[in-house]
Amino acid sequence: MQQTILIVEDERNMRMVVRMALEDAGYRVLEADSAEAALARLAEPDLAVVLTDLKLPGMRGEELVAICRRERPEVPVIVLTAFGSIRSAIECMQAGATDYLTKPFETEELLLVIQGALRLHDLMLENQRLHAVVSDARPRRRLIGESAAMRHLLDEIMQVAPYRSNVLITGESGTGKEAVARCIHERGPRAEQPWVALNCSAIPRDLMESELFGYVRGAFTGANQNRLGRLEQANGGTLFLDEIGDLDLPLQGKLLRVLQEREFSPLGSDAVRQVDARIIAATNRDLQQRVREGAFREDLYYRLDVYTIRVPPLRDRLDDVPELAGAFLAELRSEMGKPVAGFAEPALAALCRYAWPGNVRELRNAVERALLSCRSELIEAKDLPERVLGDGSMPANTAAAGPGAEGMEAWLEEEERRAIIAALAASDGIQAQAARRLGITERSLWHRIKKLAIKVERTVRE
């Protein structure tokens, strides 16, 4: 059966050239000279790919991309853009486009991009069919929590998972960025393909290139045989690059080539190898600041920043602490063989009011420490690390209130107010700076200020 491609282009000559090239390649072609006209074609049942110009009369190409993503998520969208509008194309990819072509382009380049989009279309259809026929026996949900912040995070994961687009995951240390990356991989069309992770800050700098790209025999002293790098190991699947902000500048240039050309050369070889791996990167650093400092390449940043997911710190989702602590307890007591049933109410209250600067990782360590100390059926407050008890203890009259009770809510609200006021004072009332100090978005800070009726005063200094 012929695969159907929709061309959305207001220039008649360009539309005719593209149509002829696609028809010669055996495709069925539909045409539209505006985004509005294209909307009526989206209902075509056999539609496999949309190829659209960015500059259209009336509704712009960016809006069309968003509508296609919402109405026909299984249909990849390729955008056409002039040479000077690469930034606009990247913004379209953030909105859901799968690829872009820069005008002018060769017929071979057009067909290559179309073929890639069709493969993605087939994979997504097959993925839908498999989900409809069988239920996956593997545990798919690696992220725990029902808070609003976690629901938003899971929505973002589901938004980006079906595509091959690069993803940048940001967040503080210990928030679970690798778990988010793994969840994206497992919920996408590459779930059955390799998952390979590499921590850019854990490998010595002089070994990082060979670890990433591999090497051939004789490349250096001790290289007695060929070795595949992590990139080639991930071919067909996903390569997760943790702490990407710590990657050296020379290697950043080589990684950029992989993202642009989808090819690389092992250390000690001039042979060029093709690779098809989805790149998911993570960092706890401010990459834009690193770019300004000259420590991170701007072109690599924009290649990685096709879609950004921010993982919230644990202090922004304290409602999830009981469920997280319970999951860690179940996991650890099985490993240790200790028959501990759960947490006493004062212990759980202490866990829920602590700020968790080390985030989810610190919570797991605290549960492990408490399990080691516990000598009864329940973990008591005395079994918890001292920092958890001392860095946020409630007044005596509210300590017995427990999670979710009125006294606990009042205490948490007062602590939040103090933290915001302190951050604003340290930032001379500048909300953007205060938000960065608190590790939250400026919009989130604005809502908290309004909710808590905090008066913001701007300090003027000479």
Protein backbone atom coordinates (compact mmCIF):
# COMPACT_ATOMS: atom_id res chain seq x y z
CA MET A 1 0.00 0.00 0.00
CA GLN A 2 1.27 3.48 -0.89
CA GLN A 3 2.20 5.64 2.07
CA THR A 4 0.56 9.06 2.11
CA ILE A 5 2.49 12.29 2.63
CA LEU A 6 0.90 15.71 3.07
CA ILE A 7 2.84 18.72 1.68
CA VAL A 8 1.92 22.10 3.20
CA GLU A 9 3.61 24.81 1.12
CA ASP A 10 2.25 28.12 -0.22
CA GLU A 11 4.84 28.42 -3.02
CA ARG A 12 3.40 26.54 -5.99
CA ASN A 13 6.75 25.78 -7.66
CA MET A 14 8.28 24.39 -4.49
CA ARG A 15 5.15 22.30 -3.86
CA MET A 16 5.32 20.90 -7.38
CA VAL A 17 9.03 20.00 -7.11
CA VAL A 18 8.55 18.20 -3.80
CA ARG A 19 5.43 16.41 -5.06
CA MET A 20 7.21 15.14 -8.18
CA ALA A 21 10.18 13.87 -6.14
CA LEU A 22 7.91 12.01 -3.72
CA GLU A 23 5.66 10.57 -6.42
CA ASP A 24 8.71 9.35 -8.35
CA ALA A 25 9.76 7.56 -5.14
CA GLY A 26 6.39 5.79 -5.01
CA TYR A 27 4.54 7.85 -2.40
CA ARG A 28 0.94 9.11 -2.52
CA VAL A 29 0.99 12.89 -2.14
CA LEU A 30 -1.63 15.29 -0.78
CA GLU A 31 -1.19 19.06 -1.10
CA ALA A 32 -2.27 22.13 0.87
CA ASP A 33 -1.30 25.75 0.24
CA SER A 34 -2.01 26.88 3.82
CA ALA A 35 -2.18 25.52 7.34
CA GLU A 36 -5.94 26.00 7.34
CA ALA A 37 -6.27 23.85 4.22
CA ALA A 38 -3.99 21.23 5.79
CA LEU A 39 -6.27 20.83 8.81
CA ALA A 40 -8.96 19.24 6.65
CA ARG A 41 -6.39 16.69 5.43
CA LEU A 42 -5.37 15.56 8.92
CA ALA A 43 -8.34 13.22 9.06
CA GLU A 44 -6.95 11.21 6.12
CA PRO A 45 -6.76 7.67 7.61
CA ASP A 46 -3.61 6.65 5.71
CA LEU A 47 -1.68 9.83 6.44
CA ALA A 48 1.87 8.88 7.41
CA VAL A 49 3.96 12.11 7.32
CA VAL A 50 3.30 15.86 7.22
CA LEU A 51 5.90 18.02 5.45
CA THR A 52 5.24 21.71 6.16
CA ASP A 53 6.87 25.05 5.51
CA LEU A 54 7.28 27.35 8.50
CA LYS A 55 6.27 30.59 6.77
CA LEU A 56 2.66 30.20 5.68
CA PRO A 57 -0.14 32.71 5.06
CA GLY A 58 -2.57 32.93 7.95
CA MET A 59 -1.80 30.27 10.55
CA ARG A 60 1.95 29.77 10.89
CA GLY A 61 3.74 26.46 10.59
CA GLU A 62 4.50 26.40 14.33
CA GLU A 63 0.79 26.40 15.14
CA LEU A 64 0.16 23.64 12.59
CA VAL A 65 2.87 21.50 14.20
CA ALA A 66 1.20 21.82 17.60
CA ILE A 67 -2.21 20.87 16.17
CA CYS A 68 -0.76 17.86 14.32
CA ARG A 69 0.92 16.72 17.52
CA ARG A 70 -2.38 16.94 19.37
CA GLU A 71 -4.71 15.53 16.69
CA ARG A 72 -2.47 12.90 15.07
CA PRO A 73 0.38 12.09 17.50
CA GLU A 74 1.37 9.01 15.47
CA VAL A 75 2.06 11.12 12.32
CA PRO A 76 5.59 12.62 12.28
CA VAL A 77 5.93 16.25 11.15
CA ILE A 78 8.94 17.53 9.19
CA VAL A 79 9.37 21.30 8.90
CA LEU A 80 10.95 23.17 5.98
CA THR A 81 12.88 26.30 6.83
CA ALA A 82 15.18 28.83 5.23
CA PHE A 83 18.88 28.71 6.14
CA GLY A 84 18.60 31.67 8.52
CA SER A 85 15.66 30.25 10.50
CA ILE A 86 17.25 27.23 12.18
CA ARG A 87 16.21 28.56 15.58
CA SER A 88 12.55 28.53 14.48
CA ALA A 89 12.92 24.93 13.34
CA ILE A 90 14.32 23.95 16.73
CA GLU A 91 11.37 25.67 18.41
CA CYS A 92 9.07 23.61 16.18
CA MET A 93 10.84 20.43 17.26
CA GLN A 94 10.23 21.46 20.85
CA ALA A 95 6.55 21.74 19.93
CA GLY A 96 6.52 18.22 18.51
CA ALA A 97 8.13 18.18 15.03
CA THR A 98 10.40 15.19 14.46
CA ASP A 99 12.90 16.66 12.00
CA TYR A 100 13.58 19.63 9.72
CA LEU A 101 15.05 20.38 6.30
CA THR A 102 16.88 23.57 5.39
CA LYS A 103 16.10 25.12 2.00
CA PRO A 104 17.51 24.57 -0.54
CA PHE A 105 17.86 20.80 -0.22
CA GLU A 106 18.71 17.90 -2.50
CA THR A 107 16.16 15.27 -3.49
CA GLU A 108 18.27 12.57 -1.82
CA GLU A 109 18.25 14.52 1.45
CA LEU A 110 14.47 14.92 1.27
CA LEU A 111 13.92 11.21 0.67
CA LEU A 112 16.30 10.25 3.47
CA VAL A 113 14.42 12.39 6.01
CA ILE A 114 11.07 11.07 4.74
CA GLN A 115 12.26 7.48 5.12
CA GLY A 116 13.34 8.16 8.70
CA ALA A 117 9.94 9.71 9.49
CA LEU A 118 8.12 6.75 7.96
CA ARG A 119 10.12 4.32 10.08
CA LEU A 120 9.12 6.31 13.15
CA HIS A 121 5.48 6.26 11.98
CA ASP A 122 5.57 2.47 11.57
CA LEU A 123 7.18 2.02 14.98
CA MET A 124 4.55 4.14 16.70
CA LEU A 125 1.72 2.26 15.00
CA GLU A 126 3.29 -1.05 15.97
CA ASN A 127 3.73 0.22 19.52
CA GLN A 128 0.05 1.15 19.66
CA ARG A 129 -0.96 -2.28 18.36
CA LEU A 130 1.20 -4.06 20.92
CA HIS A 131 -0.23 -2.00 23.77
CA ALA A 132 -3.73 -2.82 22.56
CA VAL A 133 -3.08 -6.59 22.40
CA VAL A 134 -0.88 -7.37 25.39
CA SER A 135 -0.03 -5.79 28.71
CA ASP A 136 3.63 -5.39 29.45
CA ALA A 137 4.58 -7.63 32.38
CA ARG A 138 7.61 -5.50 33.26
CA PRO A 139 7.22 -2.75 35.84
CA ARG A 140 6.77 0.34 33.69
CA ARG A 141 6.40 2.99 36.35
CA ARG A 142 9.78 3.74 37.79
CA LEU A 143 8.71 7.08 39.24
CA ILE A 144 6.79 7.18 42.51
CA GLY A 145 4.40 9.89 43.62
CA GLU A 146 0.94 11.34 43.07
CA SER A 147 1.65 15.01 43.78
CA ALA A 148 0.79 17.68 41.23
CA ALA A 149 4.50 18.07 40.45
CA MET A 150 4.86 14.36 39.71
CA ARG A 151 1.72 14.25 37.57
CA HIS A 152 3.10 17.12 35.51
CA LEU A 153 6.44 15.32 35.18
CA LEU A 154 4.75 12.11 33.98
CA ASP A 155 2.71 14.11 31.45
CA GLU A 156 5.93 15.55 30.03
CA ILE A 157 7.47 12.09 29.79
CA MET A 158 4.47 10.79 27.87
CA GLN A 159 4.61 13.85 25.61
CA VAL A 160 8.17 13.23 24.45
CA ALA A 161 8.64 9.46 24.80
CA PRO A 162 7.25 8.38 21.37
CA TYR A 163 9.80 10.41 19.41
CA ARG A 164 13.51 10.22 18.68
CA SER A 165 14.12 13.86 19.62
CA ASN A 166 16.94 14.64 22.03
CA VAL A 167 15.88 15.39 25.60
CA LEU A 168 17.67 17.46 28.24
CA ILE A 169 16.76 16.64 31.84
CA THR A 170 17.65 19.22 34.48
CA GLY A 171 17.36 19.18 38.25
CA GLU A 172 19.29 19.08 41.48
CA SER A 173 21.48 16.13 42.43
CA GLY A 174 19.53 13.19 43.76
CA THR A 175 16.16 14.09 42.22
CA GLY A 176 16.02 10.99 40.00
CA LYS A 177 17.05 12.32 36.59
CA GLU A 178 18.25 8.89 35.44
CA ALA A 179 14.93 7.33 36.46
CA VAL A 180 13.15 9.93 34.31
CA ALA A 181 15.44 9.15 31.37
CA ARG A 182 14.86 5.41 31.78
CA CYS A 183 11.12 5.98 31.89
CA ILE A 184 11.29 7.93 28.59
CA HIS A 185 13.22 5.04 27.00
CA GLU A 186 10.85 2.36 28.26
CA ARG A 187 7.72 4.19 27.11
CA GLY A 188 9.05 4.89 23.62
CA PRO A 189 9.42 2.84 20.42
CA ARG A 190 13.01 1.89 21.38
CA ALA A 191 12.01 0.16 24.62
CA GLU A 192 13.22 -3.24 23.38
CA GLN A 193 16.52 -1.81 22.15
CA PRO A 194 19.68 -1.15 24.22
CA TRP A 195 19.71 1.28 27.13
CA VAL A 196 23.22 2.55 27.84
CA ALA A 197 24.13 5.06 30.55
CA LEU A 198 27.36 7.02 30.97
CA ASN A 199 28.18 9.44 33.79
CA CYS A 200 30.37 12.16 32.28
CA SER A 201 31.69 13.23 35.68
CA ALA A 202 32.62 9.71 36.84
CA ILE A 203 35.07 8.85 34.03
CA PRO A 204 38.61 10.33 34.10
CA ARG A 205 39.02 12.94 31.38
CA ASP A 206 41.80 11.08 29.59
CA LEU A 207 39.58 7.97 29.31
CA MET A 208 36.31 9.64 28.41
CA GLU A 209 36.84 9.70 24.63
CA SER A 210 37.62 5.99 24.40
CA GLU A 211 34.72 5.21 26.75
CA LEU A 212 32.28 7.16 24.60
CA PHE A 213 33.52 6.35 21.09
CA GLY A 214 35.46 3.12 21.62
CA TYR A 215 38.86 2.39 20.10
CA VAL A 216 40.67 0.11 17.68
CA ARG A 217 43.61 -2.14 18.39
CA GLY A 218 46.85 -0.16 18.62
CA ALA A 219 45.14 3.19 19.25
CA PHE A 220 47.26 3.65 22.38
CA THR A 221 49.52 1.67 24.69
CA GLY A 222 47.53 -1.20 26.13
CA ALA A 223 44.88 -1.22 23.38
CA ASN A 224 45.35 -4.88 22.48
CA GLN A 225 41.95 -5.35 20.87
CA ASN A 226 39.05 -3.38 19.43
CA ARG A 227 36.47 -2.15 21.91
CA LEU A 228 33.00 -0.77 21.28
CA GLY A 229 32.24 2.56 22.92
CA ARG A 230 29.03 3.37 24.76
CA LEU A 231 27.73 5.20 21.70
CA GLU A 232 27.96 2.13 19.48
CA GLN A 233 26.61 -0.10 22.25
CA ALA A 234 23.50 2.09 22.26
CA ASN A 235 22.96 1.85 18.49
CA GLY A 236 19.25 1.47 17.81
CA GLY A 237 18.41 2.36 21.41
CA THR A 238 19.09 5.16 23.87
CA LEU A 239 22.32 6.67 25.20
CA PHE A 240 21.91 8.48 28.51
CA LEU A 241 24.66 11.02 29.22
CA ASP A 242 24.48 12.00 32.88
CA GLU A 243 26.17 15.19 34.10
CA ILE A 244 26.66 16.39 30.52
CA GLY A 245 27.76 19.79 31.86
CA ASP A 246 31.07 18.21 32.97
CA LEU A 247 32.04 17.01 29.48
CA ASP A 248 35.28 18.55 28.21
CA LEU A 249 35.07 21.09 25.39
CA PRO A 250 37.02 18.98 22.82
CA LEU A 251 34.64 16.06 23.38
CA GLN A 252 31.68 18.40 23.15
CA GLY A 253 32.68 19.13 19.56
CA LYS A 254 32.85 15.43 18.74
CA LEU A 255 29.49 14.79 20.37
CA LEU A 256 28.03 17.64 18.32
CA ARG A 257 29.17 15.86 15.14
CA VAL A 258 27.31 12.74 16.27
CA LEU A 259 24.13 14.72 16.82
CA GLN A 260 24.42 16.53 13.48
CA GLU A 261 25.72 13.80 11.18
CA ARG A 262 24.78 10.66 13.14
CA GLU A 263 28.28 9.32 12.59
CA PHE A 264 31.57 9.03 14.49
CA SER A 265 35.04 7.51 14.36
CA PRO A 266 36.51 5.28 17.09
CA LEU A 267 39.72 6.42 18.74
CA GLY A 268 42.71 5.52 16.55
CA SER A 269 40.63 5.00 13.38
CA ASP A 270 39.75 7.14 10.37
CA ALA A 271 36.80 4.90 9.49
CA VAL A 272 33.42 6.60 9.80
CA ARG A 273 30.64 4.58 11.44
CA GLN A 274 26.94 5.37 11.29
CA VAL A 275 24.96 5.35 14.52
CA ASP A 276 21.28 5.66 15.35
CA ALA A 277 20.95 6.31 19.08
CA ARG A 278 18.56 8.61 20.86
CA ILE A 279 20.50 10.96 23.13
CA ILE A 280 19.06 11.86 26.52
CA ALA A 281 21.31 14.13 28.59
CA ALA A 282 21.02 15.26 32.19
CA THR A 283 22.70 17.89 34.32
CA ASN A 284 22.43 19.61 37.67
CA ARG A 285 24.29 22.62 36.28
CA ASP A 286 22.95 25.76 34.61
CA LEU A 287 24.06 25.06 31.03
CA GLN A 288 23.14 28.54 29.83
CA GLN A 289 25.48 29.97 32.45
CA ARG A 290 28.16 27.46 31.36
CA VAL A 291 27.69 28.71 27.79
CA ARG A 292 28.17 32.31 28.91
CA GLU A 293 31.32 31.27 30.77
CA GLY A 294 32.69 29.58 27.64
CA ALA A 295 32.68 26.15 29.33
CA PHE A 296 29.92 24.67 27.18
CA ARG A 297 29.35 24.97 23.44
CA GLU A 298 26.28 26.99 22.51
CA ASP A 299 25.62 24.92 19.37
CA LEU A 300 25.74 21.69 21.39
CA TYR A 301 23.42 23.19 23.99
CA TYR A 302 20.77 23.96 21.37
CA ARG A 303 21.14 20.48 19.88
CA LEU A 304 20.54 18.88 23.28
CA ASP A 305 17.85 21.35 24.34
CA VAL A 306 15.24 20.19 21.85
CA TYR A 307 12.93 19.30 24.76
CA THR A 308 13.77 20.08 28.38
CA ILE A 309 12.27 18.35 31.40
CA ARG A 310 12.92 19.75 34.87
CA VAL A 311 12.75 17.20 37.68
CA PRO A 312 11.34 18.91 40.80
CA PRO A 313 13.28 18.72 44.07
CA LEU A 314 11.74 16.65 46.83
CA ARG A 315 10.97 19.74 48.91
CA ASP A 316 8.52 20.76 46.15
CA ARG A 317 6.63 17.47 46.44
CA LEU A 318 6.65 16.57 50.11
CA ASP A 319 3.25 14.91 49.60
CA ASP A 320 5.15 12.09 47.89
CA VAL A 321 7.45 11.40 50.86
CA PRO A 322 5.23 8.76 52.56
CA GLU A 323 4.87 6.76 49.33
CA LEU A 324 8.56 7.06 48.49
CA ALA A 325 9.65 6.11 52.01
CA GLY A 326 7.33 3.12 51.95
CA ALA A 327 8.72 1.95 48.60
CA PHE A 328 12.30 2.27 49.83
CA LEU A 329 11.42 0.43 53.04
CA ALA A 330 9.87 -2.47 51.09
CA GLU A 331 12.93 -2.71 48.87
CA LEU A 332 15.52 -2.47 51.64
CA ARG A 333 13.86 -4.74 54.19
CA SER A 334 13.73 -7.45 51.53
CA GLU A 335 17.46 -7.05 50.91
CA MET A 336 18.30 -6.99 54.63
CA GLY A 337 15.76 -9.58 55.75
CA LYS A 338 14.42 -7.37 58.55
CA PRO A 339 10.68 -7.78 59.28
CA VAL A 340 9.85 -4.09 59.76
CA ALA A 341 6.21 -3.30 59.01
CA GLY A 342 6.41 0.46 58.47
CA PHE A 343 6.91 3.84 60.14
CA ALA A 344 5.54 5.07 63.45
CA GLU A 345 3.53 8.27 63.06
CA PRO A 346 6.15 10.60 64.65
CA ALA A 347 8.84 9.15 62.35
CA LEU A 348 6.71 9.68 59.26
CA ALA A 349 5.88 13.21 60.40
CA ALA A 350 9.61 13.97 60.74
CA LEU A 351 10.26 12.64 57.24
CA CYS A 352 7.47 14.81 55.83
CA ARG A 353 8.69 18.07 57.36
CA TYR A 354 12.39 17.75 56.53
CA ALA A 355 13.65 19.86 53.60
CA TRP A 356 15.66 17.00 51.92
CA PRO A 357 18.52 19.00 50.38
CA GLY A 358 19.85 15.70 49.02
CA ASN A 359 16.44 14.93 47.50
CA VAL A 360 15.22 11.39 46.79
CA ARG A 361 18.70 9.92 47.15
CA GLU A 362 19.00 11.34 50.67
CA LEU A 363 15.56 9.98 51.57
CA ARG A 364 16.58 6.48 50.52
CA ASN A 365 19.78 6.71 52.57
CA ALA A 366 17.79 7.93 55.58
CA VAL A 367 15.38 4.99 55.30
CA GLU A 368 18.32 2.57 55.06
CA ARG A 369 19.96 4.15 58.12
CA ALA A 370 16.68 3.94 60.05
CA LEU A 371 16.18 0.31 59.07
CA LEU A 372 19.64 -0.56 60.34
CA SER A 373 18.89 1.14 63.69
CA CYS A 374 15.35 -0.19 64.09
CA ARG A 375 14.81 -2.84 66.79
CA SER A 376 11.02 -3.14 66.67
CA GLU A 377 8.24 -3.70 64.16
CA LEU A 378 8.02 -0.01 63.33
CA ILE A 379 10.68 2.58 62.55
CA GLU A 380 10.58 5.18 65.33
CA ALA A 381 11.70 8.81 65.15
CA LYS A 382 14.81 7.93 67.19
CA ASP A 383 15.90 5.57 64.40
CA LEU A 384 16.15 8.42 61.88
CA PRO A 385 19.38 10.36 61.23
CA GLU A 386 19.82 13.32 63.58
CA ARG A 387 19.80 15.82 60.72
CA VAL A 388 16.27 14.74 59.77
CA LEU A 389 15.07 15.33 63.32
CA GLY A 390 17.03 18.48 64.03
CA ASP A 391 16.78 20.42 60.75
CA GLY A 392 13.08 20.96 60.88
CA SER A 393 11.60 19.89 64.19
CA MET A 394 8.12 21.28 64.81
CA PRO A 395 7.04 23.12 67.95
CA ALA A 396 5.89 20.81 70.75
CA ASN A 397 2.22 21.73 70.32
CA THR A 398 2.21 20.64 66.67
CA ALA A 399 4.62 17.72 66.76
CA ALA A 400 1.89 15.19 67.36
CA ALA A 401 -0.31 16.45 64.58
CA GLY A 402 1.12 14.09 61.98
CA PRO A 403 1.23 14.44 58.18
CA GLY A 404 -1.78 16.12 56.69
CA ALA A 405 -3.13 17.36 60.02
CA GLU A 406 -3.89 21.02 60.65
CA GLY A 407 -0.82 21.65 62.82
CA MET A 408 1.49 20.12 60.26
CA GLU A 409 0.03 22.26 57.47
CA ALA A 410 0.46 25.43 59.52
CA TRP A 411 4.05 24.56 60.33
CA LEU A 412 4.92 23.79 56.71
CA GLU A 413 3.31 27.02 55.53
CA GLU A 414 5.30 29.05 58.06
CA GLU A 415 8.56 27.33 57.07
CA GLU A 416 7.81 28.01 53.39
CA ARG A 417 7.12 31.67 54.18
CA ARG A 418 10.43 32.01 56.05
CA ALA A 419 12.40 30.39 53.21
CA ILE A 420 10.84 32.67 50.58
CA ILE A 421 11.33 35.84 52.64
CA ALA A 422 14.99 34.88 53.27
CA ALA A 423 15.58 34.23 49.55
CA LEU A 424 13.94 37.55 48.59
CA ALA A 425 16.01 39.41 51.15
CA ALA A 426 19.21 37.83 49.86
CA SER A 427 18.20 38.77 46.28
CA ASP A 428 17.26 42.40 47.03
CA GLY A 429 13.64 41.59 46.20
CA ILE A 430 14.42 40.37 42.67
CA GLN A 431 12.07 37.43 42.22
CA ALA A 432 14.01 35.78 39.38
CA GLN A 433 17.13 35.56 41.56
CA ALA A 434 15.13 34.40 44.56
CA ALA A 435 13.54 31.63 42.50
CA ARG A 436 16.99 30.39 41.46
CA ARG A 437 18.11 30.36 45.09
CA LEU A 438 15.07 28.30 46.03
CA GLY A 439 15.45 25.96 43.06
CA ILE A 440 11.94 26.67 41.69
CA THR A 441 10.57 28.48 38.65
CA GLU A 442 9.81 32.19 38.79
CA ARG A 443 6.14 31.44 38.05
CA SER A 444 6.00 28.96 40.93
CA LEU A 445 7.54 31.56 43.26
CA TRP A 446 4.99 34.15 42.15
CA HIS A 447 2.12 31.81 43.00
CA ARG A 448 3.63 31.06 46.42
CA ILE A 449 4.11 34.76 47.17
CA LYS A 450 0.48 35.42 46.25
CA LYS A 451 -0.79 32.43 48.25
CA LEU A 452 1.16 33.38 51.37
CA ALA A 453 0.41 37.13 50.99
CA ILE A 454 4.10 38.03 51.17
CA LYS A 455 4.90 41.68 50.56
CA VAL A 456 7.84 42.05 48.17
CA GLU A 457 10.03 45.09 48.66
CA ARG A 458 12.78 45.93 46.20
CA THR A 459 15.98 47.23 47.83
CA VAL A 460 17.86 49.91 45.91
CA ARG A 461 21.62 49.93 46.50
CA GLU A 462 24.12 52.55 45.46
